[in-house]
N, C-alpha and C. Protein backbone atom coordinates (compact mmCIF):
# COMPACT_ATOMS: atom_id res chain seq x y z
N MET A 1 -1.91 -17.94 8.11
CA MET A 1 -2.57 -17.68 9.39
C MET A 1 -2.60 -16.18 9.63
N PRO A 2 -3.75 -15.60 10.00
CA PRO A 2 -3.84 -14.18 10.26
C PRO A 2 -2.83 -13.74 11.33
N GLY A 3 -2.28 -12.55 11.14
CA GLY A 3 -1.33 -12.03 12.10
C GLY A 3 0.11 -12.09 11.63
N TYR A 4 0.38 -12.83 10.56
CA TYR A 4 1.73 -12.90 10.02
C TYR A 4 1.88 -11.84 8.95
N PHE A 5 2.99 -11.11 8.98
CA PHE A 5 3.20 -10.03 8.03
C PHE A 5 3.75 -10.56 6.71
N THR A 6 3.18 -10.06 5.62
CA THR A 6 3.66 -10.33 4.28
C THR A 6 4.51 -9.13 3.89
N LYS A 7 5.76 -9.37 3.52
CA LYS A 7 6.66 -8.28 3.15
C LYS A 7 6.70 -8.13 1.63
N ILE A 8 6.60 -6.89 1.17
CA ILE A 8 6.55 -6.59 -0.25
C ILE A 8 7.46 -5.40 -0.52
N GLU A 9 8.17 -5.43 -1.65
CA GLU A 9 8.95 -4.27 -2.09
C GLU A 9 8.48 -3.89 -3.48
N VAL A 10 8.22 -2.60 -3.68
CA VAL A 10 7.68 -2.11 -4.94
C VAL A 10 8.52 -0.92 -5.41
N ALA A 11 8.87 -0.89 -6.69
CA ALA A 11 9.66 0.21 -7.23
C ALA A 11 8.78 1.34 -7.76
N ASP A 12 7.59 1.03 -8.25
CA ASP A 12 6.71 2.02 -8.86
C ASP A 12 5.50 2.23 -7.96
N PRO A 13 5.31 3.44 -7.41
CA PRO A 13 4.17 3.68 -6.52
C PRO A 13 2.82 3.32 -7.14
N HIS A 14 2.70 3.41 -8.47
CA HIS A 14 1.45 3.06 -9.14
C HIS A 14 1.08 1.59 -8.92
N LEU A 15 2.07 0.75 -8.64
CA LEU A 15 1.84 -0.70 -8.53
C LEU A 15 1.61 -1.18 -7.10
N ILE A 16 1.61 -0.29 -6.13
CA ILE A 16 1.49 -0.69 -4.72
C ILE A 16 0.18 -1.46 -4.45
N PRO A 17 -1.01 -0.91 -4.76
CA PRO A 17 -2.24 -1.67 -4.45
C PRO A 17 -2.27 -3.04 -5.13
N GLN A 18 -1.89 -3.09 -6.40
CA GLN A 18 -1.87 -4.36 -7.14
C GLN A 18 -0.88 -5.34 -6.52
N SER A 19 0.29 -4.85 -6.13
CA SER A 19 1.31 -5.73 -5.53
C SER A 19 0.87 -6.29 -4.19
N ILE A 20 0.19 -5.46 -3.40
CA ILE A 20 -0.32 -5.96 -2.12
C ILE A 20 -1.31 -7.09 -2.37
N TRP A 21 -2.28 -6.85 -3.28
CA TRP A 21 -3.30 -7.86 -3.56
C TRP A 21 -2.68 -9.16 -4.07
N GLU A 22 -1.70 -9.05 -4.96
CA GLU A 22 -1.09 -10.24 -5.56
C GLU A 22 -0.22 -11.02 -4.59
N ASN A 23 0.29 -10.37 -3.54
CA ASN A 23 1.21 -11.03 -2.63
C ASN A 23 0.60 -11.49 -1.31
N ILE A 24 -0.63 -11.08 -1.03
CA ILE A 24 -1.27 -11.53 0.21
C ILE A 24 -1.57 -13.02 0.07
N PRO A 25 -1.25 -13.82 1.09
CA PRO A 25 -1.53 -15.26 1.04
C PRO A 25 -3.03 -15.53 0.83
N PRO A 26 -3.36 -16.61 0.12
CA PRO A 26 -4.78 -16.92 -0.17
C PRO A 26 -5.68 -16.95 1.06
N ASN A 27 -5.19 -17.48 2.18
CA ASN A 27 -6.03 -17.54 3.37
C ASN A 27 -6.35 -16.14 3.92
N GLU A 28 -5.48 -15.16 3.68
CA GLU A 28 -5.74 -13.79 4.11
C GLU A 28 -6.65 -13.08 3.11
N LYS A 29 -6.54 -13.43 1.83
CA LYS A 29 -7.40 -12.82 0.81
C LYS A 29 -8.86 -13.15 1.08
N ALA A 30 -9.12 -14.30 1.69
CA ALA A 30 -10.50 -14.70 1.98
C ALA A 30 -11.19 -13.68 2.88
N LEU A 31 -10.41 -12.92 3.64
CA LEU A 31 -10.98 -11.93 4.56
C LEU A 31 -11.15 -10.57 3.91
N LEU A 32 -10.68 -10.41 2.66
CA LEU A 32 -10.68 -9.12 1.98
C LEU A 32 -11.41 -9.20 0.66
N THR A 33 -11.51 -8.07 -0.01
CA THR A 33 -12.03 -8.05 -1.38
C THR A 33 -11.04 -7.30 -2.25
N GLU A 34 -10.94 -7.72 -3.50
CA GLU A 34 -10.03 -7.04 -4.42
C GLU A 34 -10.44 -5.59 -4.61
N ARG A 35 -11.73 -5.32 -4.49
CA ARG A 35 -12.24 -3.96 -4.65
C ARG A 35 -11.54 -2.99 -3.70
N GLU A 36 -11.22 -3.48 -2.51
CA GLU A 36 -10.56 -2.63 -1.52
C GLU A 36 -9.23 -2.10 -2.05
N PHE A 37 -8.53 -2.93 -2.81
CA PHE A 37 -7.23 -2.54 -3.32
C PHE A 37 -7.33 -1.85 -4.68
N SER A 38 -8.28 -2.29 -5.51
CA SER A 38 -8.40 -1.71 -6.84
C SER A 38 -8.99 -0.31 -6.80
N SER A 39 -9.59 0.09 -5.69
CA SER A 39 -10.14 1.44 -5.58
C SER A 39 -9.08 2.46 -5.17
N GLN A 40 -7.87 2.00 -4.91
CA GLN A 40 -6.78 2.90 -4.52
C GLN A 40 -5.90 3.22 -5.72
N GLU A 41 -5.52 4.48 -5.82
CA GLU A 41 -4.55 4.88 -6.83
C GLU A 41 -3.41 5.59 -6.09
N ARG A 42 -2.20 5.15 -6.37
CA ARG A 42 -1.03 5.80 -5.76
C ARG A 42 -0.15 6.32 -6.87
N ALA A 43 0.45 7.47 -6.62
CA ALA A 43 1.32 8.10 -7.61
C ALA A 43 2.42 8.85 -6.87
N PRO A 44 3.58 8.98 -7.48
CA PRO A 44 4.64 9.76 -6.84
C PRO A 44 4.21 11.23 -6.72
N ALA A 45 4.46 11.84 -5.58
CA ALA A 45 4.11 13.24 -5.39
C ALA A 45 4.98 14.13 -6.29
N ASP A 46 6.23 13.75 -6.47
CA ASP A 46 7.14 14.48 -7.35
C ASP A 46 7.26 13.71 -8.66
N ARG A 47 6.30 13.93 -9.55
CA ARG A 47 6.26 13.18 -10.81
C ARG A 47 7.48 13.45 -11.69
N ARG A 48 7.98 14.68 -11.64
CA ARG A 48 9.17 15.03 -12.44
C ARG A 48 10.37 14.19 -12.00
N ARG A 49 10.60 14.12 -10.70
CA ARG A 49 11.72 13.32 -10.18
C ARG A 49 11.53 11.85 -10.54
N PHE A 50 10.30 11.37 -10.45
CA PHE A 50 10.03 9.97 -10.78
C PHE A 50 10.35 9.68 -12.25
N ARG A 51 10.00 10.62 -13.15
CA ARG A 51 10.32 10.41 -14.57
C ARG A 51 11.83 10.40 -14.80
N ILE A 52 12.56 11.26 -14.09
CA ILE A 52 14.01 11.38 -14.28
C ILE A 52 14.76 10.24 -13.58
N GLU A 53 14.35 9.90 -12.36
CA GLU A 53 15.04 8.90 -11.54
C GLU A 53 14.07 7.85 -11.00
N PRO A 54 13.44 7.06 -11.86
CA PRO A 54 12.46 6.09 -11.35
C PRO A 54 13.08 5.07 -10.40
N GLU A 55 14.37 4.79 -10.55
CA GLU A 55 15.02 3.81 -9.68
C GLU A 55 15.18 4.33 -8.25
N SER A 56 15.03 5.64 -8.04
CA SER A 56 15.19 6.20 -6.70
C SER A 56 13.95 5.99 -5.84
N PHE A 57 12.84 5.56 -6.43
CA PHE A 57 11.61 5.31 -5.67
C PHE A 57 11.54 3.84 -5.27
N ARG A 58 11.52 3.58 -4.00
CA ARG A 58 11.36 2.23 -3.47
C ARG A 58 10.40 2.30 -2.29
N THR A 59 9.47 1.39 -2.27
CA THR A 59 8.53 1.32 -1.16
C THR A 59 8.57 -0.09 -0.60
N GLU A 60 8.74 -0.20 0.70
CA GLU A 60 8.69 -1.49 1.40
C GLU A 60 7.43 -1.49 2.24
N LEU A 61 6.70 -2.59 2.17
CA LEU A 61 5.46 -2.73 2.93
C LEU A 61 5.45 -4.04 3.68
N SER A 62 4.83 -4.04 4.83
CA SER A 62 4.52 -5.26 5.57
C SER A 62 3.03 -5.18 5.90
N VAL A 63 2.30 -6.22 5.53
CA VAL A 63 0.85 -6.22 5.66
C VAL A 63 0.41 -7.48 6.39
N ALA A 64 -0.53 -7.34 7.33
CA ALA A 64 -1.07 -8.51 8.03
C ALA A 64 -2.49 -8.22 8.50
N ASN A 65 -3.33 -9.24 8.47
CA ASN A 65 -4.64 -9.15 9.09
C ASN A 65 -4.47 -9.58 10.53
N VAL A 66 -4.97 -8.75 11.44
CA VAL A 66 -4.90 -9.05 12.86
C VAL A 66 -6.33 -8.98 13.38
N GLY A 67 -6.96 -10.14 13.48
CA GLY A 67 -8.37 -10.15 13.83
C GLY A 67 -9.16 -9.46 12.72
N GLY A 68 -9.99 -8.49 13.09
CA GLY A 68 -10.76 -7.75 12.11
C GLY A 68 -10.05 -6.53 11.56
N LEU A 69 -8.80 -6.35 11.94
CA LEU A 69 -8.03 -5.20 11.49
C LEU A 69 -6.93 -5.62 10.52
N ARG A 70 -6.50 -4.67 9.71
CA ARG A 70 -5.33 -4.94 8.88
C ARG A 70 -4.25 -3.95 9.29
N ALA A 71 -3.10 -4.46 9.65
CA ALA A 71 -1.96 -3.63 10.02
C ALA A 71 -1.03 -3.53 8.82
N THR A 72 -0.60 -2.32 8.52
CA THR A 72 0.29 -2.10 7.40
C THR A 72 1.41 -1.16 7.84
N TRP A 73 2.65 -1.56 7.57
CA TRP A 73 3.82 -0.72 7.82
C TRP A 73 4.36 -0.37 6.44
N ILE A 74 4.59 0.93 6.20
CA ILE A 74 5.08 1.37 4.89
C ILE A 74 6.29 2.25 5.09
N PHE A 75 7.35 1.95 4.34
CA PHE A 75 8.52 2.81 4.28
C PHE A 75 8.76 3.15 2.83
N SER A 76 8.85 4.43 2.53
CA SER A 76 9.06 4.86 1.15
C SER A 76 10.11 5.95 1.14
N ASN A 77 11.01 5.89 0.16
CA ASN A 77 12.02 6.94 0.08
C ASN A 77 11.60 8.05 -0.89
N GLY A 78 10.37 8.01 -1.37
CA GLY A 78 9.82 9.07 -2.20
C GLY A 78 8.38 9.29 -1.80
N ALA A 79 7.98 10.54 -1.70
CA ALA A 79 6.62 10.85 -1.29
C ALA A 79 5.63 10.36 -2.34
N ALA A 80 4.49 9.86 -1.86
CA ALA A 80 3.45 9.37 -2.76
C ALA A 80 2.10 9.95 -2.35
N GLU A 81 1.23 10.10 -3.33
CA GLU A 81 -0.14 10.55 -3.10
C GLU A 81 -1.06 9.34 -3.24
N THR A 82 -2.04 9.25 -2.37
CA THR A 82 -3.01 8.15 -2.45
C THR A 82 -4.39 8.74 -2.68
N THR A 83 -5.11 8.17 -3.65
CA THR A 83 -6.48 8.58 -3.95
C THR A 83 -7.36 7.34 -3.87
N HIS A 84 -8.49 7.47 -3.21
CA HIS A 84 -9.48 6.39 -3.16
C HIS A 84 -10.63 6.78 -4.06
N ARG A 85 -10.95 5.92 -5.01
CA ARG A 85 -12.04 6.21 -5.93
C ARG A 85 -13.12 5.15 -5.77
N SER A 86 -14.28 5.44 -6.30
CA SER A 86 -15.39 4.48 -6.21
C SER A 86 -15.12 3.25 -7.06
N PRO A 87 -15.56 2.09 -6.66
CA PRO A 87 -16.27 1.82 -5.41
C PRO A 87 -15.27 1.54 -4.29
N ALA A 88 -15.13 2.47 -3.40
CA ALA A 88 -14.21 2.31 -2.28
C ALA A 88 -14.87 1.53 -1.15
N VAL A 89 -14.07 0.99 -0.30
CA VAL A 89 -14.56 0.26 0.86
C VAL A 89 -14.49 1.20 2.05
N GLU A 90 -15.53 1.22 2.85
CA GLU A 90 -15.51 2.06 4.04
C GLU A 90 -14.46 1.52 4.99
N SER A 91 -13.59 2.42 5.44
CA SER A 91 -12.54 1.98 6.36
C SER A 91 -12.12 3.15 7.23
N PHE A 92 -11.37 2.84 8.23
CA PHE A 92 -10.84 3.83 9.15
C PHE A 92 -9.34 3.59 9.23
N VAL A 93 -8.56 4.65 9.05
CA VAL A 93 -7.11 4.50 9.03
C VAL A 93 -6.50 5.34 10.16
N ILE A 94 -5.60 4.73 10.89
CA ILE A 94 -4.79 5.45 11.86
C ILE A 94 -3.38 5.46 11.30
N GLY A 95 -2.88 6.64 11.00
CA GLY A 95 -1.54 6.75 10.40
C GLY A 95 -0.58 7.45 11.35
N LEU A 96 0.58 6.88 11.52
CA LEU A 96 1.63 7.47 12.33
C LEU A 96 2.84 7.68 11.43
N ASN A 97 3.30 8.91 11.35
CA ASN A 97 4.45 9.21 10.50
C ASN A 97 5.70 9.32 11.34
N GLU A 98 6.71 8.57 10.96
CA GLU A 98 8.00 8.68 11.64
C GLU A 98 8.66 9.99 11.25
N ARG A 99 8.54 10.34 9.96
CA ARG A 99 9.02 11.62 9.48
C ARG A 99 8.23 11.96 8.21
N GLY A 100 8.29 13.19 7.78
CA GLY A 100 7.52 13.59 6.63
C GLY A 100 6.11 13.98 7.04
N ALA A 101 5.20 13.96 6.08
CA ALA A 101 3.83 14.39 6.34
C ALA A 101 2.85 13.47 5.63
N SER A 102 1.61 13.55 6.03
CA SER A 102 0.56 12.75 5.41
C SER A 102 -0.67 13.60 5.27
């Protein structure tokens, strides 16, 4: 049912879009397209640290469709870069940072 959050934990920032797509319940996937997630690329901002200490990177996500919107809460203990490549989906994002920068 839309509005319920799906919780996901990911160790490798590269796997975040794929993990979200694979873990969203089927009834919520009906409202989305895989293209929306496959057009995103995420990578650790500090690639050197990630190579040395990959276990130190953990990202927790909660994702839910709320009406025509998708709400996502993300907590990460390592900075990540996000790139959207073609074919991207037109979207509007409102981001609020508790700490750090975006």
